[in-house]
N, C-alpha and C. Protein backbone atom coordinates (compact mmCIF):
# COMPACT_ATOMS: atom_id res chain seq x y z
N UNK A 1 -35.74 25.25 -15.87
CA UNK A 1 -35.99 23.85 -15.53
C UNK A 1 -34.74 23.00 -15.73
N UNK A 2 -34.02 23.24 -16.83
CA UNK A 2 -32.81 22.48 -17.09
C UNK A 2 -31.73 22.78 -16.06
N UNK A 3 -31.69 24.03 -15.62
CA UNK A 3 -30.70 24.40 -14.60
C UNK A 3 -30.99 23.70 -13.28
N UNK A 4 -32.27 23.58 -12.93
CA UNK A 4 -32.65 22.90 -11.70
C UNK A 4 -32.32 21.41 -11.80
N UNK A 5 -32.62 20.79 -12.95
CA UNK A 5 -32.30 19.39 -13.16
C UNK A 5 -30.79 19.16 -13.09
N UNK A 6 -30.04 20.08 -13.65
CA UNK A 6 -28.58 19.97 -13.63
C UNK A 6 -28.05 20.06 -12.20
N UNK A 7 -28.61 20.96 -11.41
CA UNK A 7 -28.19 21.10 -10.01
C UNK A 7 -28.53 19.85 -9.22
N UNK A 8 -29.72 19.29 -9.47
CA UNK A 8 -30.10 18.05 -8.78
C UNK A 8 -29.14 16.92 -9.15
N UNK A 9 -28.84 16.83 -10.43
CA UNK A 9 -27.94 15.79 -10.90
C UNK A 9 -26.56 15.96 -10.28
N UNK A 10 -26.05 17.18 -10.25
CA UNK A 10 -24.74 17.45 -9.65
C UNK A 10 -24.74 17.09 -8.17
N UNK A 11 -25.83 17.44 -7.46
CA UNK A 11 -25.92 17.14 -6.04
C UNK A 11 -25.93 15.63 -5.82
N UNK A 12 -26.73 14.91 -6.60
CA UNK A 12 -26.80 13.46 -6.45
C UNK A 12 -25.48 12.79 -6.80
N UNK A 13 -24.79 13.32 -7.80
CA UNK A 13 -23.48 12.78 -8.17
C UNK A 13 -22.48 12.99 -7.04
N UNK A 14 -22.49 14.16 -6.45
CA UNK A 14 -21.62 14.43 -5.32
C UNK A 14 -21.93 13.55 -4.13
N UNK A 15 -23.21 13.34 -3.88
CA UNK A 15 -23.63 12.47 -2.78
C UNK A 15 -23.19 11.03 -3.03
N UNK A 16 -23.30 10.59 -4.27
CA UNK A 16 -22.87 9.24 -4.62
C UNK A 16 -21.37 9.06 -4.43
N UNK A 17 -20.60 10.04 -4.87
CA UNK A 17 -19.14 9.97 -4.72
C UNK A 17 -18.76 9.97 -3.24
N UNK A 18 -19.39 10.83 -2.45
CA UNK A 18 -19.09 10.90 -1.02
C UNK A 18 -19.43 9.57 -0.33
N UNK A 19 -20.58 9.00 -0.67
CA UNK A 19 -20.97 7.72 -0.07
C UNK A 19 -20.01 6.61 -0.48
N UNK A 20 -19.56 6.62 -1.73
CA UNK A 20 -18.62 5.61 -2.22
C UNK A 20 -17.28 5.70 -1.50
N UNK A 21 -16.79 6.91 -1.32
CA UNK A 21 -15.51 7.10 -0.62
C UNK A 21 -15.64 6.65 0.83
N UNK A 22 -16.73 7.01 1.47
CA UNK A 22 -16.95 6.60 2.86
C UNK A 22 -17.03 5.09 2.98
N UNK A 23 -17.74 4.45 2.07
CA UNK A 23 -17.87 2.99 2.09
C UNK A 23 -16.51 2.33 1.86
N UNK A 24 -15.71 2.87 0.95
CA UNK A 24 -14.38 2.32 0.70
C UNK A 24 -13.49 2.44 1.93
N UNK A 25 -13.57 3.57 2.61
CA UNK A 25 -12.77 3.75 3.83
C UNK A 25 -13.18 2.75 4.89
N UNK A 26 -14.48 2.56 5.04
CA UNK A 26 -14.97 1.61 6.06
C UNK A 26 -14.55 0.19 5.71
N UNK A 27 -14.73 -0.22 4.46
CA UNK A 27 -14.43 -1.60 4.08
C UNK A 27 -12.93 -1.89 4.09
N UNK A 28 -12.12 -0.99 3.54
CA UNK A 28 -10.71 -1.29 3.36
C UNK A 28 -9.80 -0.75 4.45
N UNK A 29 -10.30 0.11 5.34
CA UNK A 29 -9.47 0.64 6.41
C UNK A 29 -9.99 0.25 7.79
N UNK A 30 -11.24 0.59 8.06
CA UNK A 30 -11.80 0.40 9.40
C UNK A 30 -12.06 -1.07 9.70
N UNK A 31 -12.63 -1.81 8.74
CA UNK A 31 -12.95 -3.22 8.96
C UNK A 31 -11.71 -4.06 9.28
N UNK A 32 -10.63 -3.99 8.49
CA UNK A 32 -9.44 -4.78 8.85
C UNK A 32 -8.86 -4.37 10.21
N UNK A 33 -8.88 -3.09 10.51
CA UNK A 33 -8.37 -2.63 11.81
C UNK A 33 -9.22 -3.20 12.93
N UNK A 34 -10.54 -3.15 12.77
CA UNK A 34 -11.44 -3.68 13.80
C UNK A 34 -11.26 -5.17 14.00
N UNK A 35 -11.10 -5.90 12.90
CA UNK A 35 -10.90 -7.35 13.02
C UNK A 35 -9.57 -7.64 13.70
N UNK A 36 -8.53 -6.88 13.38
CA UNK A 36 -7.23 -7.11 14.03
C UNK A 36 -7.30 -6.81 15.53
N UNK A 37 -8.17 -5.87 15.92
CA UNK A 37 -8.32 -5.59 17.35
C UNK A 37 -8.93 -6.77 18.10
N UNK A 38 -9.73 -7.57 17.41
CA UNK A 38 -10.31 -8.75 18.06
C UNK A 38 -9.23 -9.76 18.47
N UNK A 39 -8.10 -9.74 17.78
CA UNK A 39 -7.01 -10.67 18.07
C UNK A 39 -5.97 -10.07 19.01
N UNK A 40 -6.24 -8.88 19.53
CA UNK A 40 -5.29 -8.19 20.41
C UNK A 40 -4.97 -9.00 21.66
N UNK A 41 -5.96 -9.71 22.19
CA UNK A 41 -5.73 -10.50 23.40
C UNK A 41 -5.00 -11.80 23.11
N UNK A 42 -5.06 -12.27 21.87
CA UNK A 42 -4.42 -13.53 21.49
C UNK A 42 -3.00 -13.29 20.99
N UNK A 43 -2.81 -12.22 20.22
CA UNK A 43 -1.51 -11.91 19.62
C UNK A 43 -0.94 -10.70 20.34
N UNK A 44 0.21 -10.87 20.95
CA UNK A 44 0.79 -9.78 21.74
C UNK A 44 1.74 -8.90 20.91
N UNK A 45 2.24 -9.42 19.82
CA UNK A 45 3.21 -8.69 19.01
C UNK A 45 2.51 -7.65 18.13
N UNK A 46 3.00 -6.42 18.19
CA UNK A 46 2.43 -5.37 17.33
C UNK A 46 2.72 -5.66 15.86
N UNK A 47 3.90 -6.24 15.59
CA UNK A 47 4.25 -6.59 14.21
C UNK A 47 3.29 -7.64 13.67
N UNK A 48 2.97 -8.63 14.46
CA UNK A 48 2.06 -9.68 14.01
C UNK A 48 0.66 -9.11 13.77
N UNK A 49 0.22 -8.21 14.62
CA UNK A 49 -1.09 -7.58 14.41
C UNK A 49 -1.10 -6.73 13.15
N UNK A 50 -0.01 -6.01 12.91
CA UNK A 50 0.08 -5.21 11.69
C UNK A 50 0.10 -6.10 10.45
N UNK A 51 0.79 -7.22 10.54
CA UNK A 51 0.83 -8.18 9.44
C UNK A 51 -0.56 -8.77 9.19
N UNK A 52 -1.27 -9.10 10.25
CA UNK A 52 -2.63 -9.61 10.13
C UNK A 52 -3.54 -8.57 9.47
N UNK A 53 -3.44 -7.34 9.92
CA UNK A 53 -4.26 -6.27 9.35
C UNK A 53 -3.94 -6.07 7.87
N UNK A 54 -2.68 -6.10 7.51
CA UNK A 54 -2.29 -5.97 6.11
C UNK A 54 -2.79 -7.13 5.26
N UNK A 55 -2.71 -8.34 5.80
CA UNK A 55 -3.20 -9.51 5.08
C UNK A 55 -4.71 -9.42 4.87
N UNK A 56 -5.42 -8.95 5.88
CA UNK A 56 -6.87 -8.78 5.75
C UNK A 56 -7.21 -7.75 4.67
N UNK A 57 -6.48 -6.65 4.65
CA UNK A 57 -6.71 -5.63 3.62
C UNK A 57 -6.45 -6.19 2.23
N UNK A 58 -5.38 -6.95 2.10
CA UNK A 58 -5.05 -7.54 0.81
C UNK A 58 -6.12 -8.54 0.38
N UNK A 59 -6.58 -9.38 1.29
CA UNK A 59 -7.63 -10.35 0.96
C UNK A 59 -8.94 -9.66 0.58
N UNK A 60 -9.29 -8.61 1.30
CA UNK A 60 -10.50 -7.86 0.96
C UNK A 60 -10.38 -7.23 -0.44
N UNK A 61 -9.23 -6.68 -0.74
CA UNK A 61 -9.04 -6.04 -2.04
C UNK A 61 -9.08 -7.07 -3.17
N UNK A 62 -8.40 -8.20 -2.99
CA UNK A 62 -8.41 -9.24 -4.02
C UNK A 62 -9.83 -9.78 -4.20
N UNK A 63 -10.56 -9.98 -3.11
CA UNK A 63 -11.94 -10.43 -3.20
C UNK A 63 -12.82 -9.42 -3.91
N UNK A 64 -12.59 -8.15 -3.64
CA UNK A 64 -13.34 -7.07 -4.29
C UNK A 64 -13.10 -7.06 -5.80
N UNK A 65 -11.84 -7.14 -6.19
CA UNK A 65 -11.50 -7.14 -7.62
C UNK A 65 -12.05 -8.40 -8.29
N UNK A 66 -11.94 -9.54 -7.63
CA UNK A 66 -12.46 -10.79 -8.20
C UNK A 66 -13.97 -10.71 -8.36
N UNK A 67 -14.65 -10.16 -7.36
CA UNK A 67 -16.10 -10.03 -7.44
C UNK A 67 -16.54 -9.11 -8.55
N UNK A 68 -15.86 -7.99 -8.69
CA UNK A 68 -16.20 -7.04 -9.75
C UNK A 68 -15.92 -7.64 -11.13
N UNK A 69 -14.87 -8.43 -11.24
CA UNK A 69 -14.54 -8.99 -12.54
C UNK A 69 -15.57 -10.00 -13.03
N UNK A 70 -16.43 -10.47 -12.14
CA UNK A 70 -17.49 -11.40 -12.53
C UNK A 70 -18.74 -10.70 -13.03
N UNK A 71 -18.82 -9.39 -12.87
CA UNK A 71 -20.00 -8.64 -13.31
C UNK A 71 -20.01 -8.54 -14.83
N UNK A 72 -21.16 -8.82 -15.43
CA UNK A 72 -21.24 -8.82 -16.89
C UNK A 72 -20.96 -7.43 -17.47
N UNK A 73 -21.36 -6.37 -16.79
CA UNK A 73 -21.08 -5.02 -17.29
C UNK A 73 -19.57 -4.76 -17.36
N UNK A 74 -18.84 -5.21 -16.38
CA UNK A 74 -17.39 -5.02 -16.37
C UNK A 74 -16.75 -5.84 -17.47
N UNK A 75 -17.26 -7.05 -17.67
CA UNK A 75 -16.72 -7.88 -18.74
C UNK A 75 -16.91 -7.19 -20.08
N UNK A 76 -18.07 -6.59 -20.28
CA UNK A 76 -18.32 -5.90 -21.55
C UNK A 76 -17.43 -4.67 -21.71
N UNK A 77 -17.16 -3.97 -20.62
CA UNK A 77 -16.30 -2.79 -20.68
C UNK A 77 -14.86 -3.19 -21.00
N UNK A 78 -14.44 -4.30 -20.43
CA UNK A 78 -13.06 -4.75 -20.61
C UNK A 78 -12.87 -5.53 -21.91
N UNK A 79 -13.95 -5.81 -22.63
CA UNK A 79 -13.87 -6.63 -23.84
C UNK A 79 -12.85 -6.12 -24.85
N UNK A 80 -12.74 -4.81 -25.11
CA UNK A 80 -11.75 -4.38 -26.11
C UNK A 80 -10.30 -4.68 -25.70
N UNK A 81 -10.04 -4.76 -24.40
CA UNK A 81 -8.66 -4.99 -23.97
C UNK A 81 -8.32 -6.47 -23.89
N UNK A 82 -9.33 -7.33 -23.95
CA UNK A 82 -9.09 -8.77 -24.02
C UNK A 82 -9.75 -9.27 -25.30
N UNK A 83 -9.63 -10.51 -25.56
CA UNK A 83 -10.24 -11.07 -26.77
C UNK A 83 -11.75 -10.88 -26.72
N UNK A 84 -12.31 -10.20 -27.70
CA UNK A 84 -13.73 -9.84 -27.69
C UNK A 84 -14.62 -11.07 -27.67
N UNK A 85 -14.27 -12.11 -28.38
CA UNK A 85 -15.13 -13.30 -28.40
C UNK A 85 -15.09 -14.00 -27.06
N UNK A 86 -13.97 -14.01 -26.40
CA UNK A 86 -13.86 -14.61 -25.07
C UNK A 86 -14.72 -13.84 -24.08
N UNK A 87 -14.68 -12.52 -24.16
CA UNK A 87 -15.48 -11.69 -23.25
C UNK A 87 -16.96 -11.91 -23.50
N UNK A 88 -17.34 -12.02 -24.76
CA UNK A 88 -18.75 -12.22 -25.09
C UNK A 88 -19.24 -13.56 -24.54
N UNK A 89 -18.44 -14.59 -24.69
CA UNK A 89 -18.81 -15.91 -24.16
C UNK A 89 -18.90 -15.87 -22.64
N UNK A 90 -17.97 -15.20 -22.02
CA UNK A 90 -17.97 -15.10 -20.55
C UNK A 90 -19.20 -14.33 -20.06
N UNK A 91 -19.56 -13.26 -20.77
CA UNK A 91 -20.73 -12.48 -20.38
C UNK A 91 -22.00 -13.29 -20.54
N UNK A 92 -22.08 -14.08 -21.60
CA UNK A 92 -23.27 -14.91 -21.80
C UNK A 92 -23.38 -16.00 -20.76
N UNK A 93 -22.26 -16.53 -20.31
CA UNK A 93 -22.30 -17.59 -19.31
C UNK A 93 -22.80 -17.08 -17.97
N UNK A 94 -22.69 -15.77 -17.74
CA UNK A 94 -23.16 -15.19 -16.48
C UNK A 94 -24.65 -14.88 -16.50
N UNK A 95 -25.25 -14.88 -17.66
CA UNK A 95 -26.68 -14.55 -17.76
C UNK A 95 -27.54 -15.73 -17.49
């Protein structure tokens, strides 16, 4: 029974990792590329399109990190590396 539970857990963990990697590729690679293609008719320069795509990727990443940093679980995990009382107050303000 424990072996079956372990196999199920391993399978679900692998599925979770695969889904996470796929979602990251879609959000940080495919989405900025697709948005930059929408501007293909307006912007003729390949350099400008590449710059737009890079800026979109950077904005998505900064937004992602900012969003995650607001999660109370992340604040609690990061508490030892920052002032613990500040982290505790910040976590309470989110509740």
